[in-house]
C-alpha atoms as a PDB file:
ATOM      1  CA  UNK A   1      -8.919 103.555  21.628  1.00  0.00           C
ATOM      2  CA  UNK A   2     -11.690 106.329  21.615  1.00  0.00           C
ATOM      3  CA  UNK A   3     -11.776 106.308  25.306  1.00  0.00           C
ATOM      4  CA  UNK A   4      -8.774 104.807  27.453  1.00  0.00           C
ATOM      5  CA  UNK A   5      -9.458 101.399  28.945  1.00  0.00           C
ATOM      6  CA  UNK A   6      -8.651 101.179  32.608  1.00  0.00           C
ATOM      7  CA  UNK A   7     -10.366  97.830  33.652  1.00  0.00           C
ATOM      8  CA  UNK A   8     -10.768  94.723  31.757  1.00  0.00           C
ATOM      9  CA  UNK A   9     -12.347  91.271  32.867  1.00  0.00           C
ATOM     10  CA  UNK A  10     -10.949  88.409  31.308  1.00  0.00           C
ATOM     11  CA  UNK A  11     -12.751  85.073  31.338  1.00  0.00           C
ATOM     12  CA  UNK A  12     -11.151  81.885  31.121  1.00  0.00           C
ATOM     13  CA  UNK A  13     -12.622  78.360  31.209  1.00  0.00           C
ATOM     14  CA  UNK A  14     -10.604  75.432  33.088  1.00  0.00           C
ATOM     15  CA  UNK A  15     -10.844  71.641  32.808  1.00  0.00           C
ATOM     16  CA  UNK A  16      -7.657  69.624  34.162  1.00  0.00           C
ATOM     17  CA  UNK A  17      -5.297  72.586  33.708  1.00  0.00           C
ATOM     18  CA  UNK A  18      -3.635  72.255  37.053  1.00  0.00           C
ATOM     19  CA  UNK A  19      -0.248  72.351  35.498  1.00  0.00           C
ATOM     20  CA  UNK A  20      -0.769  75.564  33.783  1.00  0.00           C
ATOM     21  CA  UNK A  21      -3.527  77.821  35.190  1.00  0.00           C
ATOM     22  CA  UNK A  22      -1.666  79.242  38.087  1.00  0.00           C
ATOM     23  CA  UNK A  23       1.239  80.418  35.736  1.00  0.00           C
ATOM     24  CA  UNK A  24      -1.190  81.562  32.991  1.00  0.00           C
ATOM     25  CA  UNK A  25      -3.197  83.913  35.210  1.00  0.00           C
ATOM     26  CA  UNK A  26      -0.011  85.120  37.166  1.00  0.00           C
ATOM     27  CA  UNK A  27       1.560  86.028  34.044  1.00  0.00           C
ATOM     28  CA  UNK A  28      -1.052  88.466  33.274  1.00  0.00           C
ATOM     29  CA  UNK A  29      -1.221  90.083  36.383  1.00  0.00           C
ATOM     30  CA  UNK A  30       2.631  90.615  36.363  1.00  0.00           C
ATOM     31  CA  UNK A  31       2.475  92.148  32.758  1.00  0.00           C
ATOM     32  CA  UNK A  32       0.034  94.775  33.937  1.00  0.00           C
ATOM     33  CA  UNK A  33       0.904  95.398  37.555  1.00  0.00           C
ATOM     34  CA  UNK A  34       2.563  98.747  36.580  1.00  0.00           C
ATOM     35  CA  UNK A  35       0.081  99.573  33.828  1.00  0.00           C
ATOM     36  CA  UNK A  36      -2.848 101.826  33.742  1.00  0.00           C
ATOM     37  CA  UNK A  37      -5.014  98.750  32.780  1.00  0.00           C
ATOM     38  CA  UNK A  38      -6.349  96.983  35.716  1.00  0.00           C
ATOM     39  CA  UNK A  39      -7.116  93.219  34.929  1.00  0.00           C
ATOM     40  CA  UNK A  40      -9.403  90.667  36.852  1.00  0.00           C
ATOM     41  CA  UNK A  41     -10.496  87.208  36.024  1.00  0.00           C
ATOM     42  CA  UNK A  42     -13.720  85.190  36.012  1.00  0.00           C
ATOM     43  CA  UNK A  43     -12.515  81.542  35.848  1.00  0.00           C
ATOM     44  CA  UNK A  44     -15.061  78.986  34.968  1.00  0.00           C
ATOM     45  CA  UNK A  45     -13.948  75.789  36.218  1.00  0.00           C
ATOM     46  CA  UNK A  46     -15.500  72.881  34.547  1.00  0.00           C
ATOM     47  CA  UNK A  47     -15.494  69.421  36.540  1.00  0.00           C
ATOM     48  CA  UNK A  48     -11.802  69.092  36.867  1.00  0.00           C
ATOM     49  CA  UNK A  49     -10.525  65.927  38.597  1.00  0.00           C
ATOM     50  CA  UNK A  50      -6.907  67.234  39.143  1.00  0.00           C
ATOM     51  CA  UNK A  51      -5.793  70.056  41.162  1.00  0.00           C
ATOM     52  CA  UNK A  52      -7.124  72.927  39.169  1.00  0.00           C
ATOM     53  CA  UNK A  53      -9.551  74.112  41.955  1.00  0.00           C
ATOM     54  CA  UNK A  54      -6.661  74.195  44.628  1.00  0.00           C
ATOM     55  CA  UNK A  55      -4.598  76.220  42.135  1.00  0.00           C
ATOM     56  CA  UNK A  56      -7.320  78.792  41.576  1.00  0.00           C
ATOM     57  CA  UNK A  57      -8.162  79.125  45.272  1.00  0.00           C
ATOM     58  CA  UNK A  58      -4.423  79.976  45.814  1.00  0.00           C
ATOM     59  CA  UNK A  59      -4.762  82.578  43.104  1.00  0.00           C
ATOM     60  CA  UNK A  60      -7.699  84.059  44.781  1.00  0.00           C
ATOM     61  CA  UNK A  61      -5.576  84.736  48.011  1.00  0.00           C
ATOM     62  CA  UNK A  62      -3.555  87.121  46.060  1.00  0.00           C
ATOM     63  CA  UNK A  63      -5.418  88.256  42.900  1.00  0.00           C
ATOM     64  CA  UNK A  64      -8.665  89.630  42.026  1.00  0.00           C
ATOM     65  CA  UNK A  65     -10.139  86.290  40.596  1.00  0.00           C
ATOM     66  CA  UNK A  66     -13.564  85.034  40.727  1.00  0.00           C
ATOM     67  CA  UNK A  67     -14.236  81.252  40.488  1.00  0.00           C
ATOM     68  CA  UNK A  68     -17.109  79.504  39.177  1.00  0.00           C
ATOM     69  CA  UNK A  69     -16.999  75.844  40.066  1.00  0.00           C
ATOM     70  CA  UNK A  70     -18.863  72.901  38.898  1.00  0.00           C
ATOM     71  CA  UNK A  71     -18.242  69.381  40.209  1.00  0.00           C
ATOM     72  CA  UNK A  72     -19.399  67.812  37.050  1.00  0.00           C
ATOM     73  CA  UNK A  73     -18.253  68.240  33.416  1.00  0.00           C
ATOM     74  CA  UNK A  74     -20.596  70.510  31.239  1.00  0.00           C
ATOM     75  CA  UNK A  75     -18.373  71.071  28.355  1.00  0.00           C
ATOM     76  CA  UNK A  76     -16.312  73.773  26.769  1.00  0.00           C
ATOM     77  CA  UNK A  77     -19.119  75.942  25.441  1.00  0.00           C
ATOM     78  CA  UNK A  78     -21.217  75.811  28.622  1.00  0.00           C
ATOM     79  CA  UNK A  79     -18.393  76.625  30.860  1.00  0.00           C
ATOM     80  CA  UNK A  80     -17.339  79.591  28.594  1.00  0.00           C
ATOM     81  CA  UNK A  81     -20.960  80.858  28.434  1.00  0.00           C
ATOM     82  CA  UNK A  82     -21.534  80.489  32.277  1.00  0.00           C
ATOM     83  CA  UNK A  83     -18.237  82.619  32.723  1.00  0.00           C
ATOM     84  CA  UNK A  84     -19.212  85.289  30.171  1.00  0.00           C
ATOM     85  CA  UNK A  85     -22.705  85.774  31.920  1.00  0.00           C
ATOM     86  CA  UNK A  86     -20.923  86.854  34.898  1.00  0.00           C
ATOM     87  CA  UNK A  87     -19.027  89.755  33.490  1.00  0.00           C
ATOM     88  CA  UNK A  88     -20.319  93.098  34.769  1.00  0.00           C
ATOM     89  CA  UNK A  89     -17.466  95.408  33.485  1.00  0.00           C
ATOM     90  CA  UNK A  90     -17.714  97.636  30.465  1.00  0.00           C
ATOM     91  CA  UNK A  91     -14.940  95.802  28.590  1.00  0.00           C
ATOM     92  CA  UNK A  92     -14.302  92.113  28.438  1.00  0.00           C
ATOM     93  CA  UNK A  93     -11.857  89.745  26.961  1.00  0.00           C
ATOM     94  CA  UNK A  94     -11.138  86.148  27.025  1.00  0.00           C
ATOM     95  CA  UNK A  95      -8.170  83.736  27.189  1.00  0.00           C
ATOM     96  CA  UNK A  96      -7.846  80.036  27.281  1.00  0.00           C
ATOM     97  CA  UNK A  97      -6.053  78.582  30.342  1.00  0.00           C
ATOM     98  CA  UNK A  98      -3.199  76.773  28.680  1.00  0.00           C
ATOM     99  CA  UNK A  99      -0.751  79.579  28.346  1.00  0.00           C
ATOM    100  CA  UNK A 100      -0.993  80.006  24.483  1.00  0.00           C
ATOM    101  CA  UNK A 101      -2.320  83.567  24.743  1.00  0.00           C
ATOM    102  CA  UNK A 102       0.156  86.186  25.075  1.00  0.00           C
ATOM    103  CA  UNK A 103      -0.600  88.843  28.000  1.00  0.00           C
ATOM    104  CA  UNK A 104       1.225  91.636  25.704  1.00  0.00           C
ATOM    105  CA  UNK A 105      -1.570  91.158  23.190  1.00  0.00           C
ATOM    106  CA  UNK A 106      -4.303  92.316  25.358  1.00  0.00           C
ATOM    107  CA  UNK A 107      -2.898  95.746  25.398  1.00  0.00           C
ATOM    108  CA  UNK A 108      -2.515  95.727  21.477  1.00  0.00           C
ATOM    109  CA  UNK A 109      -6.226  94.426  21.171  1.00  0.00           C
ATOM    110  CA  UNK A 110      -7.285  97.415  23.243  1.00  0.00           C
ATOM    111  CA  UNK A 111      -5.411  99.742  20.866  1.00  0.00           C
ATOM    112  CA  UNK A 112      -8.101  98.755  18.230  1.00  0.00           C
ATOM    113  CA  UNK A 113     -11.031  98.901  20.403  1.00  0.00           C
ATOM    114  CA  UNK A 114     -13.166 101.935  20.050  1.00  0.00           C
ATOM    115  CA  UNK A 115     -15.791 101.243  22.615  1.00  0.00           C
ATOM    116  CA  UNK A 116     -18.211  99.762  20.321  1.00  0.00           C
ATOM    117  CA  UNK A 117     -16.712  97.274  18.072  1.00  0.00           C
ATOM    118  CA  UNK A 118     -15.327  93.710  18.487  1.00  0.00           C
ATOM    119  CA  UNK A 119     -11.486  93.259  18.106  1.00  0.00           C
ATOM    120  CA  UNK A 120     -10.856  89.730  17.033  1.00  0.00           C
ATOM    121  CA  UNK A 121      -7.160  88.087  17.265  1.00  0.00           C
ATOM    122  CA  UNK A 122      -5.687  86.205  14.436  1.00  0.00           C
ATOM    123  CA  UNK A 123      -3.191  83.546  15.138  1.00  0.00           C
ATOM    124  CA  UNK A 124      -1.039  84.047  12.227  1.00  0.00           C
ATOM    125  CA  UNK A 125       1.524  81.435  13.282  1.00  0.00           C
ATOM    126  CA  UNK A 126      -0.714  79.068  15.199  1.00  0.00           C
ATOM    127  CA  UNK A 127       1.116  76.723  17.525  1.00  0.00           C
ATOM    128  CA  UNK A 128      -1.188  73.855  17.244  1.00  0.00           C
ATOM    129  CA  UNK A 129      -1.050  70.441  15.747  1.00  0.00           C
ATOM    130  CA  UNK A 130      -1.086  69.838  12.090  1.00  0.00           C
ATOM    131  CA  UNK A 131      -4.434  68.162  12.271  1.00  0.00           C
ATOM    132  CA  UNK A 132      -5.991  70.774  14.193  1.00  0.00           C
ATOM    133  CA  UNK A 133      -4.849  73.326  11.779  1.00  0.00           C
ATOM    134  CA  UNK A 134      -6.150  71.281   9.022  1.00  0.00           C
ATOM    135  CA  UNK A 135      -9.585  70.998  10.723  1.00  0.00           C
ATOM    136  CA  UNK A 136      -9.976  74.554  11.213  1.00  0.00           C
ATOM    137  CA  UNK A 137      -9.114  75.337   7.600  1.00  0.00           C
ATOM    138  CA  UNK A 138     -11.750  72.840   6.417  1.00  0.00           C
ATOM    139  CA  UNK A 139     -14.362  74.211   8.832  1.00  0.00           C
ATOM    140  CA  UNK A 140     -13.302  77.652   7.669  1.00  0.00           C
ATOM    141  CA  UNK A 141     -14.279  77.005   4.147  1.00  0.00           C
ATOM    142  CA  UNK A 142     -17.724  75.846   5.242  1.00  0.00           C
ATOM    143  CA  UNK A 143     -18.023  78.784   7.567  1.00  0.00           C
ATOM    144  CA  UNK A 144     -17.418  81.430   4.917  1.00  0.00           C
ATOM    145  CA  UNK A 145     -19.847  79.690   2.692  1.00  0.00           C
ATOM    146  CA  UNK A 146     -22.713  79.679   5.375  1.00  0.00           C
ATOM    147  CA  UNK A 147     -21.894  83.189   6.956  1.00  0.00           C
ATOM    148  CA  UNK A 148     -20.375  85.172   4.188  1.00  0.00           C
ATOM    149  CA  UNK A 149     -17.704  86.439   6.186  1.00  0.00           C
ATOM    150  CA  UNK A 150     -13.913  86.825   5.840  1.00  0.00           C
ATOM    151  CA  UNK A 151     -12.721  86.272   9.324  1.00  0.00           C
ATOM    152  CA  UNK A 152      -9.047  85.311   9.353  1.00  0.00           C
ATOM    153  CA  UNK A 153      -9.102  83.163  12.420  1.00  0.00           C
ATOM    154  CA  UNK A 154     -12.771  82.222  13.335  1.00  0.00           C
ATOM    155  CA  UNK A 155     -11.646  79.875  16.292  1.00  0.00           C
ATOM    156  CA  UNK A 156      -9.610  82.260  17.832  1.00  0.00           C
ATOM    157  CA  UNK A 157     -10.733  82.806  21.599  1.00  0.00           C
ATOM    158  CA  UNK A 158      -8.592  86.009  22.255  1.00  0.00           C
ATOM    159  CA  UNK A 159     -10.987  89.068  21.732  1.00  0.00           C
ATOM    160  CA  UNK A 160     -11.855  92.240  23.395  1.00  0.00           C
ATOM    161  CA  UNK A 161     -15.452  93.925  23.270  1.00  0.00           C
ATOM    162  CA  UNK A 162     -17.877  95.963  25.122  1.00  0.00           C
ATOM    163  CA  UNK A 163     -20.318  94.608  27.728  1.00  0.00           C
ATOM    164  CA  UNK A 164     -23.140  95.838  25.479  1.00  0.00           C
ATOM    165  CA  UNK A 165     -21.896  93.753  22.547  1.00  0.00           C
ATOM    166  CA  UNK A 166     -21.310  90.798  24.783  1.00  0.00           C
ATOM    167  CA  UNK A 167     -24.889  90.835  26.056  1.00  0.00           C
ATOM    168  CA  UNK A 168     -26.220  91.300  22.543  1.00  0.00           C
ATOM    169  CA  UNK A 169     -24.489  87.866  21.573  1.00  0.00           C
ATOM    170  CA  UNK A 170     -25.290  86.122  24.962  1.00  0.00           C
ATOM    171  CA  UNK A 171     -29.053  86.989  24.367  1.00  0.00           C
ATOM    172  CA  UNK A 172     -29.392  85.435  21.029  1.00  0.00           C
ATOM    173  CA  UNK A 173     -31.645  82.188  21.113  1.00  0.00           C
ATOM    174  CA  UNK A 174     -30.174  78.632  21.632  1.00  0.00           C
ATOM    175  CA  UNK A 175     -26.663  79.768  22.414  1.00  0.00           C
ATOM    176  CA  UNK A 176     -24.128  76.770  22.882  1.00  0.00           C
ATOM    177  CA  UNK A 177     -25.065  74.814  19.681  1.00  0.00           C
ATOM    178  CA  UNK A 178     -21.547  74.152  18.965  1.00  0.00           C
ATOM    179  CA  UNK A 179     -20.396  72.237  22.120  1.00  0.00           C
ATOM    180  CA  UNK A 180     -16.694  72.533  21.354  1.00  0.00           C
ATOM    181  CA  UNK A 181     -16.462  75.188  18.584  1.00  0.00           C
ATOM    182  CA  UNK A 182     -17.810  77.961  20.591  1.00  0.00           C
ATOM    183  CA  UNK A 183     -15.983  80.779  18.898  1.00  0.00           C
ATOM    184  CA  UNK A 184     -17.207  79.845  15.332  1.00  0.00           C
ATOM    185  CA  UNK A 185     -20.710  80.323  16.780  1.00  0.00           C
ATOM    186  CA  UNK A 186     -19.872  83.469  18.942  1.00  0.00           C
ATOM    187  CA  UNK A 187     -18.651  85.508  16.030  1.00  0.00           C
ATOM    188  CA  UNK A 188     -21.395  84.344  13.616  1.00  0.00           C
ATOM    189  CA  UNK A 189     -24.002  85.526  16.061  1.00  0.00           C
ATOM    190  CA  UNK A 190     -21.888  88.849  16.571  1.00  0.00           C
ATOM    191  CA  UNK A 191     -22.182  89.376  12.823  1.00  0.00           C
ATOM    192  CA  UNK A 192     -25.872  88.423  12.779  1.00  0.00           C
ATOM    193  CA  UNK A 193     -26.372  91.210  15.321  1.00  0.00           C
ATOM    194  CA  UNK A 194     -24.464  93.841  12.905  1.00  0.00           C
ATOM    195  CA  UNK A 195     -21.561  94.243  15.518  1.00  0.00           C
ATOM    196  CA  UNK A 196     -18.515  95.758  13.747  1.00  0.00           C
ATOM    197  CA  UNK A 197     -15.357  93.821  13.955  1.00  0.00           C
ATOM    198  CA  UNK A 198     -11.712  94.504  13.235  1.00  0.00           C
ATOM    199  CA  UNK A 199      -8.837  91.854  13.246  1.00  0.00           C
ATOM    200  CA  UNK A 200      -5.360  92.043  14.658  1.00  0.00           C
ATOM    201  CA  UNK A 201      -2.524  89.447  14.221  1.00  0.00           C
ATOM    202  CA  UNK A 202      -1.522  88.142  17.628  1.00  0.00           C
ATOM    203  CA  UNK A 203       1.151  85.757  19.100  1.00  0.00           C
ATOM    204  CA  UNK A 204       0.292  82.252  19.749  1.00  0.00           C
ATOM    205  CA  UNK A 205       2.265  80.179  21.788  1.00  0.00           C
ATOM    206  CA  UNK A 206       2.858  76.448  22.753  1.00  0.00           C
ATOM    207  CA  UNK A 207       0.856  75.080  25.447  1.00  0.00           C
ATOM    208  CA  UNK A 208       2.828  75.931  28.821  1.00  0.00           C
ATOM    209  CA  UNK A 209       2.116  72.290  30.132  1.00  0.00           C
ATOM    210  CA  UNK A 210       0.242  69.154  29.345  1.00  0.00           C
ATOM    211  CA  UNK A 211      -1.821  68.004  26.379  1.00  0.00           C
ATOM    212  CA  UNK A 212      -5.268  69.183  25.214  1.00  0.00           C
ATOM    213  CA  UNK A 213      -8.040  67.079  26.685  1.00  0.00           C
ATOM    214  CA  UNK A 214     -10.455  67.925  24.159  1.00  0.00           C
ATOM    215  CA  UNK A 215      -9.022  67.503  20.524  1.00  0.00           C
ATOM    216  CA  UNK A 216      -7.578  63.979  21.129  1.00  0.00           C
ATOM    217  CA  UNK A 217      -7.373  61.549  18.020  1.00  0.00           C
ATOM    218  CA  UNK A 218      -9.840  59.278  19.392  1.00  0.00           C
ATOM    219  CA  UNK A 219     -12.336  62.092  19.909  1.00  0.00           C
ATOM    220  CA  UNK A 220     -11.794  63.919  16.512  1.00  0.00           C
ATOM    221  CA  UNK A 221     -14.355  61.922  14.101  1.00  0.00           C
ATOM    222  CA  UNK A 222     -17.265  62.779  16.591  1.00  0.00           C
ATOM    223  CA  UNK A 223     -16.236  66.285  16.950  1.00  0.00           C
ATOM    224  CA  UNK A 224     -15.918  66.846  13.311  1.00  0.00           C
ATOM    225  CA  UNK A 225     -19.359  65.407  12.753  1.00  0.00           C
ATOM    226  CA  UNK A 226     -20.954  67.348  15.630  1.00  0.00           C
ATOM    227  CA  UNK A 227     -19.138  70.585  14.426  1.00  0.00           C
ATOM    228  CA  UNK A 228     -20.546  70.430  10.857  1.00  0.00           C
ATOM    229  CA  UNK A 229     -24.055  69.700  11.956  1.00  0.00           C
ATOM    230  CA  UNK A 230     -23.831  72.462  14.331  1.00  0.00           C
ATOM    231  CA  UNK A 231     -22.669  74.952  11.734  1.00  0.00           C
ATOM    232  CA  UNK A 232     -25.699  74.231   9.629  1.00  0.00           C
ATOM    233  CA  UNK A 233     -28.131  74.230  12.462  1.00  0.00           C
ATOM    234  CA  UNK A 234     -26.764  77.611  13.483  1.00  0.00           C
ATOM    235  CA  UNK A 235     -26.999  79.041   9.897  1.00  0.00           C
ATOM    236  CA  UNK A 236     -30.757  77.915   9.927  1.00  0.00           C
ATOM    237  CA  UNK A 237     -31.144  79.538  13.234  1.00  0.00           C
ATOM    238  CA  UNK A 238     -29.595  82.946  12.388  1.00  0.00           C
END
């Protein structure tokens, strides 16, 4: 790091993650409680019908956690965007709420951050189902062809960047074309804004509890079609 980072805002979306959200957030605070790095969270809750909101409210009694809550489901990308728009610290990171992101990797990502770049995690040993990994590989082939980039893991949500870079991306037109595959879009927009990026291999763990509510087998055909259409729309836009 060119300048030592002392404060980081992490954004995470939540939809029916009542079994995992509390432990996921507490693990980050425990990891950095004796560190020079101060972490705080913006949690964008997205129409959960389990006890996710109650779990987050319990977190707020103990930790610096800001909650954005919506009673109706708006989808992953919209929830992510709403959370990112609330960031007002100089450095921002992001994790999903299922416990797959390792808190220790935040400090590792920060070592590659020079105050201006975008540091992107690479889930070298990705702990997801075979079908999800096959989908990502197929999309990556199309992605590289459309956007002329060699990102190792363009769907990885774990990153570190500056508020200035974040705002450059958020201020691009028609953000949220990819309703589920937001990170493919996020990184393509970053590249279109000439934001320099570096990549770092990170740990990727099994979900701490429950199953994904997005990539269920019955939903996959629709997701595949929408995702491919979205990639071509994004290319035309950028």
